[in-house]
Amino acid sequence: MSDVYEIVSTSSEDANKLTVDFTFSSDVSKEDAIAQIDSLVSLADDNAEIEFVDHEPKFWEISQFN
């Protein structure tokens, strides 16, 4: 795994954010990818060791071969 680029936010929000890329095959739509991530996150709902507050899809990159 490569090093994670770190910056200090200038936002007034008191939260740390980690941006993560998930890779899907080119036949998966944006809507299906979001639904899959939502399902993955819901698996963590009752795990006290997982401490993230929220997730929000922000960027969808489409394969040039689509």
C-alpha atoms as a PDB file:
ATOM      1  CA  MET A   1       0.000   0.000   0.000  1.00  0.00           C
ATOM      2  CA  SER A   2       1.288   3.451  -0.817  1.00  0.00           C
ATOM      3  CA  ASP A   3       1.627   6.274   1.669  1.00  0.00           C
ATOM      4  CA  VAL A   4      -1.543   8.242   2.315  1.00  0.00           C
ATOM      5  CA  TYR A   5      -1.256  11.939   1.497  1.00  0.00           C
ATOM      6  CA  GLU A   6      -2.084  14.032   4.572  1.00  0.00           C
ATOM      7  CA  ILE A   7      -3.202  17.657   4.731  1.00  0.00           C
ATOM      8  CA  VAL A   8      -4.531  19.928   7.475  1.00  0.00           C
ATOM      9  CA  SER A   9      -8.085  21.048   6.790  1.00  0.00           C
ATOM     10  CA  THR A  10      -8.981  24.728   6.758  1.00  0.00           C
ATOM     11  CA  SER A  11     -12.652  23.886   7.274  1.00  0.00           C
ATOM     12  CA  SER A  12     -14.428  24.787  10.521  1.00  0.00           C
ATOM     13  CA  GLU A  13     -15.740  21.204  10.743  1.00  0.00           C
ATOM     14  CA  ASP A  14     -14.267  19.304  13.717  1.00  0.00           C
ATOM     15  CA  ALA A  15     -13.725  15.972  11.943  1.00  0.00           C
ATOM     16  CA  ASN A  16     -10.999  13.940  10.283  1.00  0.00           C
ATOM     17  CA  LYS A  17     -11.733  12.632   6.773  1.00  0.00           C
ATOM     18  CA  LEU A  18     -10.198   9.726   4.887  1.00  0.00           C
ATOM     19  CA  THR A  19     -10.831   9.432   1.163  1.00  0.00           C
ATOM     20  CA  VAL A  20     -10.771   5.846  -0.101  1.00  0.00           C
ATOM     21  CA  ASP A  21     -11.013   4.553  -3.677  1.00  0.00           C
ATOM     22  CA  PHE A  22     -13.109   1.446  -4.308  1.00  0.00           C
ATOM     23  CA  THR A  23     -12.573  -0.221  -7.686  1.00  0.00           C
ATOM     24  CA  PHE A  24     -15.408  -1.940  -9.566  1.00  0.00           C
ATOM     25  CA  SER A  25     -15.505  -3.723 -12.909  1.00  0.00           C
ATOM     26  CA  SER A  26     -16.511  -1.509 -15.821  1.00  0.00           C
ATOM     27  CA  ASP A  27     -19.979  -3.067 -16.062  1.00  0.00           C
ATOM     28  CA  VAL A  28     -20.988  -1.763 -12.606  1.00  0.00           C
ATOM     29  CA  SER A  29     -23.052   1.434 -12.712  1.00  0.00           C
ATOM     30  CA  LYS A  30     -22.542   4.388 -10.388  1.00  0.00           C
ATOM     31  CA  GLU A  31     -25.876   3.638  -8.699  1.00  0.00           C
ATOM     32  CA  ASP A  32     -24.941  -0.018  -8.124  1.00  0.00           C
ATOM     33  CA  ALA A  33     -21.508   0.929  -6.786  1.00  0.00           C
ATOM     34  CA  ILE A  34     -23.058   3.378  -4.323  1.00  0.00           C
ATOM     35  CA  ALA A  35     -25.584   0.735  -3.235  1.00  0.00           C
ATOM     36  CA  GLN A  36     -22.788  -1.786  -2.691  1.00  0.00           C
ATOM     37  CA  ILE A  37     -20.807   0.664  -0.543  1.00  0.00           C
ATOM     38  CA  ASP A  38     -23.959   1.517   1.415  1.00  0.00           C
ATOM     39  CA  SER A  39     -24.448  -2.232   2.043  1.00  0.00           C
ATOM     40  CA  LEU A  40     -20.830  -2.616   3.111  1.00  0.00           C
ATOM     41  CA  VAL A  41     -21.150   0.287   5.542  1.00  0.00           C
ATOM     42  CA  SER A  42     -24.367  -1.130   6.996  1.00  0.00           C
ATOM     43  CA  LEU A  43     -22.464  -4.295   7.962  1.00  0.00           C
ATOM     44  CA  ALA A  44     -20.437  -2.142  10.370  1.00  0.00           C
ATOM     45  CA  ASP A  45     -23.444  -0.529  12.079  1.00  0.00           C
ATOM     46  CA  ASP A  46     -23.287  -2.642  15.247  1.00  0.00           C
ATOM     47  CA  ASN A  47     -19.497  -2.824  15.572  1.00  0.00           C
ATOM     48  CA  ALA A  48     -18.245  -0.510  18.339  1.00  0.00           C
ATOM     49  CA  GLU A  49     -14.648  -0.776  17.053  1.00  0.00           C
ATOM     50  CA  ILE A  50     -15.584   0.989  13.807  1.00  0.00           C
ATOM     51  CA  GLU A  51     -15.772   4.669  14.601  1.00  0.00           C
ATOM     52  CA  PHE A  52     -16.664   6.529  11.420  1.00  0.00           C
ATOM     53  CA  VAL A  53     -19.602   8.900  11.623  1.00  0.00           C
ATOM     54  CA  ASP A  54     -20.816   9.140   8.034  1.00  0.00           C
ATOM     55  CA  HIS A  55     -19.989   8.375   4.424  1.00  0.00           C
ATOM     56  CA  GLU A  56     -20.838  10.305   1.278  1.00  0.00           C
ATOM     57  CA  PRO A  57     -20.002   9.420  -2.327  1.00  0.00           C
ATOM     58  CA  LYS A  58     -18.231  12.352  -3.994  1.00  0.00           C
ATOM     59  CA  PHE A  59     -16.515  11.262  -7.214  1.00  0.00           C
ATOM     60  CA  TRP A  60     -17.197   8.615  -9.870  1.00  0.00           C
ATOM     61  CA  GLU A  61     -14.551   7.829 -12.484  1.00  0.00           C
ATOM     62  CA  ILE A  62     -15.822   5.957 -15.566  1.00  0.00           C
ATOM     63  CA  SER A  63     -13.551   3.630 -17.549  1.00  0.00           C
ATOM     64  CA  GLN A  64     -12.618   4.860 -21.021  1.00  0.00           C
ATOM     65  CA  PHE A  65     -13.420   1.317 -22.211  1.00  0.00           C
ATOM     66  CA  ASN A  66     -17.060   1.520 -21.140  1.00  0.00           C
END
